[in-house]
């Protein structure tokens, strides 16, 4: 098993720290602590490197993001960055939103359910690594004929939380953002527009909401 990351240890003890419930029994991380511990063991036994990004445990292969472990109100999960490219023969992976183009999740509410499909989880992790080795990419332009600017694509690649939030927007909202970003002629102007509206996207709001 690969080395444990002290920041993930802290996450499991106190939570992500993004709300006032941090380090209290009401924290979502505490609710799913046993399940998160089990998922952590499985992932590390697959040879991934444990990191801590965007306030959550993130697992990488040769510095490429493969998956995250996260706690939500109703479940905990393993979230694959390029899950839509995975085979998933058992059809157990779930899209986080109806417009999600890349991320797919295994969701759990108890340790027993994790143990039951442990071998399948490992096989899926190994497949996700192979997808990354092959350099495969999710085509985010499928829902729109509008090209995603290089500046915005880099932001989506580097900021998984933004990618998830953008995927969860309605196609109309996605299109409006892509048009607005692409209409700027200079790269610095496109980047400035993207930076300005990242908070809006993270809140699930459209360009004019």
C-alpha atoms as a PDB file:
ATOM      1  CA  UNK A   1       0.000   0.000   0.000  1.00  0.00           C
ATOM      2  CA  UNK A   2       1.311   3.447  -0.909  1.00  0.00           C
ATOM      3  CA  UNK A   3       2.126   6.035   1.754  1.00  0.00           C
ATOM      4  CA  UNK A   4      -0.602   7.865   3.639  1.00  0.00           C
ATOM      5  CA  UNK A   5      -0.839  11.626   3.244  1.00  0.00           C
ATOM      6  CA  UNK A   6      -1.049  13.518   6.588  1.00  0.00           C
ATOM      7  CA  UNK A   7      -3.428  16.059   5.060  1.00  0.00           C
ATOM      8  CA  UNK A   8      -5.888  13.273   4.264  1.00  0.00           C
ATOM      9  CA  UNK A   9      -5.535  12.029   7.839  1.00  0.00           C
ATOM     10  CA  UNK A  10      -6.540  15.513   8.950  1.00  0.00           C
ATOM     11  CA  UNK A  11      -9.450  15.548   6.486  1.00  0.00           C
ATOM     12  CA  UNK A  12     -10.780  12.302   7.954  1.00  0.00           C
ATOM     13  CA  UNK A  13     -10.466  13.660  11.486  1.00  0.00           C
ATOM     14  CA  UNK A  14     -11.863  17.159  10.969  1.00  0.00           C
ATOM     15  CA  UNK A  15     -13.609  17.286   7.588  1.00  0.00           C
ATOM     16  CA  UNK A  16     -12.937  19.431   4.546  1.00  0.00           C
ATOM     17  CA  UNK A  17     -13.137  22.721   6.438  1.00  0.00           C
ATOM     18  CA  UNK A  18     -15.388  24.412   3.887  1.00  0.00           C
ATOM     19  CA  UNK A  19     -18.309  24.978   6.249  1.00  0.00           C
ATOM     20  CA  UNK A  20     -18.995  25.813   9.896  1.00  0.00           C
ATOM     21  CA  UNK A  21     -19.523  22.126  10.745  1.00  0.00           C
ATOM     22  CA  UNK A  22     -15.822  21.329  10.453  1.00  0.00           C
ATOM     23  CA  UNK A  23     -14.492  19.196  13.330  1.00  0.00           C
ATOM     24  CA  UNK A  24     -18.018  18.622  14.677  1.00  0.00           C
ATOM     25  CA  UNK A  25     -20.171  15.462  14.714  1.00  0.00           C
ATOM     26  CA  UNK A  26     -22.430  17.098  12.090  1.00  0.00           C
ATOM     27  CA  UNK A  27     -19.663  17.111   9.481  1.00  0.00           C
ATOM     28  CA  UNK A  28     -20.481  14.915   6.457  1.00  0.00           C
ATOM     29  CA  UNK A  29     -17.014  13.372   6.603  1.00  0.00           C
ATOM     30  CA  UNK A  30     -17.689  12.096  10.118  1.00  0.00           C
ATOM     31  CA  UNK A  31     -20.970  10.550   9.017  1.00  0.00           C
ATOM     32  CA  UNK A  32     -19.174   8.391   6.449  1.00  0.00           C
ATOM     33  CA  UNK A  33     -15.838   7.930   8.240  1.00  0.00           C
ATOM     34  CA  UNK A  34     -15.856   4.107   8.192  1.00  0.00           C
ATOM     35  CA  UNK A  35     -16.817   4.010   4.532  1.00  0.00           C
ATOM     36  CA  UNK A  36     -14.168   6.590   3.608  1.00  0.00           C
ATOM     37  CA  UNK A  37     -11.512   4.617   5.488  1.00  0.00           C
ATOM     38  CA  UNK A  38     -12.445   1.498   3.527  1.00  0.00           C
ATOM     39  CA  UNK A  39     -12.355   3.306   0.197  1.00  0.00           C
ATOM     40  CA  UNK A  40      -9.009   4.836   1.069  1.00  0.00           C
ATOM     41  CA  UNK A  41      -7.480   1.417   1.707  1.00  0.00           C
ATOM     42  CA  UNK A  42      -8.807   0.040  -1.588  1.00  0.00           C
ATOM     43  CA  UNK A  43      -7.492   2.967  -3.612  1.00  0.00           C
ATOM     44  CA  UNK A  44      -4.048   2.927  -2.017  1.00  0.00           C
ATOM     45  CA  UNK A  45      -3.795  -0.817  -2.575  1.00  0.00           C
ATOM     46  CA  UNK A  46      -4.185  -0.062  -6.285  1.00  0.00           C
ATOM     47  CA  UNK A  47      -0.905   1.844  -6.246  1.00  0.00           C
ATOM     48  CA  UNK A  48      -2.184   5.399  -6.599  1.00  0.00           C
ATOM     49  CA  UNK A  49      -0.475   8.326  -4.893  1.00  0.00           C
ATOM     50  CA  UNK A  50      -2.510  10.026  -2.185  1.00  0.00           C
ATOM     51  CA  UNK A  51      -2.775  13.806  -2.393  1.00  0.00           C
ATOM     52  CA  UNK A  52      -5.049  16.475  -0.932  1.00  0.00           C
ATOM     53  CA  UNK A  53      -6.575  18.880  -3.461  1.00  0.00           C
ATOM     54  CA  UNK A  54      -9.632  21.151  -3.392  1.00  0.00           C
ATOM     55  CA  UNK A  55     -10.018  20.262   0.322  1.00  0.00           C
ATOM     56  CA  UNK A  56     -10.554  16.552  -0.446  1.00  0.00           C
ATOM     57  CA  UNK A  57      -8.512  13.354  -0.867  1.00  0.00           C
ATOM     58  CA  UNK A  58      -7.293  13.124  -4.456  1.00  0.00           C
ATOM     59  CA  UNK A  59      -5.454  10.167  -5.968  1.00  0.00           C
ATOM     60  CA  UNK A  60      -3.014  10.430  -8.830  1.00  0.00           C
ATOM     61  CA  UNK A  61      -0.914   8.339 -11.174  1.00  0.00           C
ATOM     62  CA  UNK A  62       2.362   9.975 -12.251  1.00  0.00           C
ATOM     63  CA  UNK A  63       0.903  13.305 -11.101  1.00  0.00           C
ATOM     64  CA  UNK A  64      -2.241  12.895 -13.237  1.00  0.00           C
ATOM     65  CA  UNK A  65      -5.562  13.094 -11.400  1.00  0.00           C
ATOM     66  CA  UNK A  66      -7.416   9.764 -11.470  1.00  0.00           C
ATOM     67  CA  UNK A  67     -10.087   9.967  -8.778  1.00  0.00           C
ATOM     68  CA  UNK A  68     -11.271  11.621  -5.600  1.00  0.00           C
ATOM     69  CA  UNK A  69     -12.943  10.333  -2.459  1.00  0.00           C
ATOM     70  CA  UNK A  70     -15.705  12.573  -1.167  1.00  0.00           C
ATOM     71  CA  UNK A  71     -18.484  12.769   1.411  1.00  0.00           C
ATOM     72  CA  UNK A  72     -21.944  14.135   0.675  1.00  0.00           C
ATOM     73  CA  UNK A  73     -25.070  14.405   2.770  1.00  0.00           C
ATOM     74  CA  UNK A  74     -26.721  11.256   1.410  1.00  0.00           C
ATOM     75  CA  UNK A  75     -23.685   9.162   0.449  1.00  0.00           C
ATOM     76  CA  UNK A  76     -19.922   8.962   0.104  1.00  0.00           C
ATOM     77  CA  UNK A  77     -18.242   8.155  -3.176  1.00  0.00           C
ATOM     78  CA  UNK A  78     -15.272   7.474  -5.384  1.00  0.00           C
ATOM     79  CA  UNK A  79     -15.396  10.043  -8.166  1.00  0.00           C
ATOM     80  CA  UNK A  80     -13.490   9.351 -11.400  1.00  0.00           C
ATOM     81  CA  UNK A  81     -12.345  12.403 -13.359  1.00  0.00           C
ATOM     82  CA  UNK A  82     -12.735  10.611 -16.717  1.00  0.00           C
ATOM     83  CA  UNK A  83     -15.432   8.179 -15.644  1.00  0.00           C
ATOM     84  CA  UNK A  84     -17.439   8.524 -18.840  1.00  0.00           C
ATOM     85  CA  UNK A  85     -14.562   6.849 -20.700  1.00  0.00           C
ATOM     86  CA  UNK A  86     -14.685   3.734 -18.491  1.00  0.00           C
ATOM     87  CA  UNK A  87     -16.324   0.494 -19.598  1.00  0.00           C
ATOM     88  CA  UNK A  88     -18.406  -0.101 -16.442  1.00  0.00           C
ATOM     89  CA  UNK A  89     -19.856  -3.433 -17.575  1.00  0.00           C
ATOM     90  CA  UNK A  90     -21.957  -3.731 -14.417  1.00  0.00           C
ATOM     91  CA  UNK A  91     -23.410  -0.228 -14.901  1.00  0.00           C
ATOM     92  CA  UNK A  92     -22.674   0.807 -11.339  1.00  0.00           C
ATOM     93  CA  UNK A  93     -21.143   4.206 -12.059  1.00  0.00           C
ATOM     94  CA  UNK A  94     -23.414   7.226 -11.645  1.00  0.00           C
ATOM     95  CA  UNK A  95     -23.199  10.659 -13.278  1.00  0.00           C
ATOM     96  CA  UNK A  96     -23.249  13.444 -10.648  1.00  0.00           C
ATOM     97  CA  UNK A  97     -25.697  15.440 -12.770  1.00  0.00           C
ATOM     98  CA  UNK A  98     -27.821  15.029 -15.883  1.00  0.00           C
ATOM     99  CA  UNK A  99     -25.382  17.113 -17.923  1.00  0.00           C
ATOM    100  CA  UNK A 100     -22.195  15.507 -16.595  1.00  0.00           C
ATOM    101  CA  UNK A 101     -19.946  14.616 -19.495  1.00  0.00           C
ATOM    102  CA  UNK A 102     -16.841  13.336 -17.692  1.00  0.00           C
ATOM    103  CA  UNK A 103     -17.187  12.534 -13.998  1.00  0.00           C
ATOM    104  CA  UNK A 104     -18.717   9.253 -12.836  1.00  0.00           C
ATOM    105  CA  UNK A 105     -19.121   8.000  -9.275  1.00  0.00           C
ATOM    106  CA  UNK A 106     -19.412   4.851  -7.221  1.00  0.00           C
ATOM    107  CA  UNK A 107     -21.803   5.819  -4.399  1.00  0.00           C
ATOM    108  CA  UNK A 108     -22.043   4.070  -1.035  1.00  0.00           C
ATOM    109  CA  UNK A 109     -24.022   4.271   2.191  1.00  0.00           C
ATOM    110  CA  UNK A 110     -22.409   1.404   4.133  1.00  0.00           C
ATOM    111  CA  UNK A 111     -19.145  -0.540   4.338  1.00  0.00           C
ATOM    112  CA  UNK A 112     -20.730  -3.876   3.380  1.00  0.00           C
ATOM    113  CA  UNK A 113     -21.707  -2.567  -0.056  1.00  0.00           C
ATOM    114  CA  UNK A 114     -18.127  -1.443  -0.623  1.00  0.00           C
ATOM    115  CA  UNK A 115     -16.695  -4.828   0.325  1.00  0.00           C
ATOM    116  CA  UNK A 116     -19.173  -6.645  -1.937  1.00  0.00           C
ATOM    117  CA  UNK A 117     -17.809  -4.967  -5.054  1.00  0.00           C
ATOM    118  CA  UNK A 118     -14.217  -4.387  -3.945  1.00  0.00           C
ATOM    119  CA  UNK A 119     -12.787  -6.378  -6.862  1.00  0.00           C
ATOM    120  CA  UNK A 120     -14.930  -4.420  -9.325  1.00  0.00           C
ATOM    121  CA  UNK A 121     -13.812  -1.129  -7.772  1.00  0.00           C
ATOM    122  CA  UNK A 122     -10.171  -2.145  -8.149  1.00  0.00           C
ATOM    123  CA  UNK A 123     -10.679  -3.236 -11.758  1.00  0.00           C
ATOM    124  CA  UNK A 124     -12.307   0.121 -12.520  1.00  0.00           C
ATOM    125  CA  UNK A 125      -9.425   2.003 -10.887  1.00  0.00           C
ATOM    126  CA  UNK A 126      -6.898   0.057 -12.951  1.00  0.00           C
ATOM    127  CA  UNK A 127      -8.909   0.838 -16.089  1.00  0.00           C
ATOM    128  CA  UNK A 128      -8.957   4.539 -15.158  1.00  0.00           C
ATOM    129  CA  UNK A 129      -5.164   4.459 -14.918  1.00  0.00           C
ATOM    130  CA  UNK A 130      -4.948   2.859 -18.366  1.00  0.00           C
ATOM    131  CA  UNK A 131      -7.225   5.577 -19.758  1.00  0.00           C
ATOM    132  CA  UNK A 132      -4.808   8.173 -18.403  1.00  0.00           C
ATOM    133  CA  UNK A 133      -1.761   6.305 -19.731  1.00  0.00           C
ATOM    134  CA  UNK A 134      -3.356   6.270 -23.177  1.00  0.00           C
ATOM    135  CA  UNK A 135      -3.897  10.020 -23.024  1.00  0.00           C
ATOM    136  CA  UNK A 136      -7.630   9.742 -23.675  1.00  0.00           C
ATOM    137  CA  UNK A 137      -9.687  12.913 -23.212  1.00  0.00           C
ATOM    138  CA  UNK A 138     -13.375  13.598 -22.716  1.00  0.00           C
ATOM    139  CA  UNK A 139     -14.927  15.554 -25.566  1.00  0.00           C
ATOM    140  CA  UNK A 140     -16.672  18.420 -23.793  1.00  0.00           C
ATOM    141  CA  UNK A 141     -17.908  19.842 -27.085  1.00  0.00           C
ATOM    142  CA  UNK A 142     -20.455  17.044 -27.561  1.00  0.00           C
ATOM    143  CA  UNK A 143     -23.306  19.079 -26.109  1.00  0.00           C
ATOM    144  CA  UNK A 144     -22.462  22.150 -28.130  1.00  0.00           C
ATOM    145  CA  UNK A 145     -21.060  23.112 -31.510  1.00  0.00           C
ATOM    146  CA  UNK A 146     -19.187  25.945 -29.831  1.00  0.00           C
ATOM    147  CA  UNK A 147     -15.484  25.364 -29.315  1.00  0.00           C
ATOM    148  CA  UNK A 148     -14.161  25.427 -25.758  1.00  0.00           C
ATOM    149  CA  UNK A 149     -11.332  27.940 -25.561  1.00  0.00           C
ATOM    150  CA  UNK A 150      -7.923  26.636 -24.566  1.00  0.00           C
ATOM    151  CA  UNK A 151      -7.925  28.886 -21.498  1.00  0.00           C
ATOM    152  CA  UNK A 152     -11.215  27.465 -20.232  1.00  0.00           C
ATOM    153  CA  UNK A 153     -10.238  23.874 -21.053  1.00  0.00           C
ATOM    154  CA  UNK A 154      -7.086  24.269 -18.955  1.00  0.00           C
ATOM    155  CA  UNK A 155      -9.170  25.570 -16.069  1.00  0.00           C
ATOM    156  CA  UNK A 156     -11.521  22.576 -16.349  1.00  0.00           C
ATOM    157  CA  UNK A 157      -8.564  20.181 -16.393  1.00  0.00           C
ATOM    158  CA  UNK A 158      -6.865  21.812 -13.401  1.00  0.00           C
ATOM    159  CA  UNK A 159      -9.964  22.471 -11.283  1.00  0.00           C
ATOM    160  CA  UNK A 160     -12.176  19.355 -10.999  1.00  0.00           C
ATOM    161  CA  UNK A 161     -14.748  21.139  -8.861  1.00  0.00           C
ATOM    162  CA  UNK A 162     -15.215  23.679 -11.658  1.00  0.00           C
ATOM    163  CA  UNK A 163     -15.489  20.890 -14.231  1.00  0.00           C
ATOM    164  CA  UNK A 164     -18.226  19.180 -12.227  1.00  0.00           C
ATOM    165  CA  UNK A 165     -20.089  22.461 -11.699  1.00  0.00           C
ATOM    166  CA  UNK A 166     -19.913  23.348 -15.402  1.00  0.00           C
ATOM    167  CA  UNK A 167     -21.136  19.892 -16.430  1.00  0.00           C
ATOM    168  CA  UNK A 168     -24.095  20.247 -14.099  1.00  0.00           C
ATOM    169  CA  UNK A 169     -25.259  23.447 -15.785  1.00  0.00           C
ATOM    170  CA  UNK A 170     -28.043  23.223 -18.330  1.00  0.00           C
ATOM    171  CA  UNK A 171     -26.865  23.073 -21.968  1.00  0.00           C
ATOM    172  CA  UNK A 172     -28.174  26.596 -22.484  1.00  0.00           C
ATOM    173  CA  UNK A 173     -26.103  27.990 -19.636  1.00  0.00           C
ATOM    174  CA  UNK A 174     -23.040  26.096 -20.863  1.00  0.00           C
ATOM    175  CA  UNK A 175     -23.515  27.527 -24.355  1.00  0.00           C
ATOM    176  CA  UNK A 176     -23.843  31.078 -23.042  1.00  0.00           C
ATOM    177  CA  UNK A 177     -20.579  30.849 -21.141  1.00  0.00           C
ATOM    178  CA  UNK A 178     -18.706  29.262 -24.046  1.00  0.00           C
ATOM    179  CA  UNK A 179     -19.928  31.973 -26.421  1.00  0.00           C
ATOM    180  CA  UNK A 180     -18.963  34.749 -24.020  1.00  0.00           C
ATOM    181  CA  UNK A 181     -15.486  33.341 -23.408  1.00  0.00           C
ATOM    182  CA  UNK A 182     -14.774  32.616 -27.082  1.00  0.00           C
ATOM    183  CA  UNK A 183     -15.863  36.045 -28.329  1.00  0.00           C
ATOM    184  CA  UNK A 184     -12.889  37.724 -26.667  1.00  0.00           C
ATOM    185  CA  UNK A 185     -10.116  38.145 -29.251  1.00  0.00           C
ATOM    186  CA  UNK A 186      -7.136  38.187 -26.881  1.00  0.00           C
ATOM    187  CA  UNK A 187      -6.103  35.368 -24.563  1.00  0.00           C
ATOM    188  CA  UNK A 188      -5.714  37.683 -21.562  1.00  0.00           C
ATOM    189  CA  UNK A 189      -9.268  38.963 -22.084  1.00  0.00           C
ATOM    190  CA  UNK A 190     -10.635  35.405 -22.336  1.00  0.00           C
ATOM    191  CA  UNK A 191      -8.784  34.474 -19.164  1.00  0.00           C
ATOM    192  CA  UNK A 192     -10.093  37.548 -17.337  1.00  0.00           C
ATOM    193  CA  UNK A 193     -13.680  36.666 -18.306  1.00  0.00           C
ATOM    194  CA  UNK A 194     -13.199  33.067 -17.160  1.00  0.00           C
ATOM    195  CA  UNK A 195     -11.711  34.126 -13.816  1.00  0.00           C
ATOM    196  CA  UNK A 196     -14.563  36.569 -13.246  1.00  0.00           C
ATOM    197  CA  UNK A 197     -17.271  33.952 -13.769  1.00  0.00           C
ATOM    198  CA  UNK A 198     -15.721  30.952 -12.021  1.00  0.00           C
ATOM    199  CA  UNK A 199     -17.546  31.816  -8.733  1.00  0.00           C
ATOM    200  CA  UNK A 200     -20.815  32.093 -10.681  1.00  0.00           C
ATOM    201  CA  UNK A 201     -20.310  28.679 -12.304  1.00  0.00           C
ATOM    202  CA  UNK A 202     -19.416  27.094  -8.953  1.00  0.00           C
ATOM    203  CA  UNK A 203     -22.743  28.359  -7.599  1.00  0.00           C
ATOM    204  CA  UNK A 204     -24.599  26.670 -10.453  1.00  0.00           C
ATOM    205  CA  UNK A 205     -25.660  29.957 -11.997  1.00  0.00           C
ATOM    206  CA  UNK A 206     -25.767  31.044 -15.608  1.00  0.00           C
ATOM    207  CA  UNK A 207     -24.045  34.016 -17.185  1.00  0.00           C
ATOM    208  CA  UNK A 208     -26.987  36.366 -16.595  1.00  0.00           C
ATOM    209  CA  UNK A 209     -28.525  34.838 -13.453  1.00  0.00           C
END
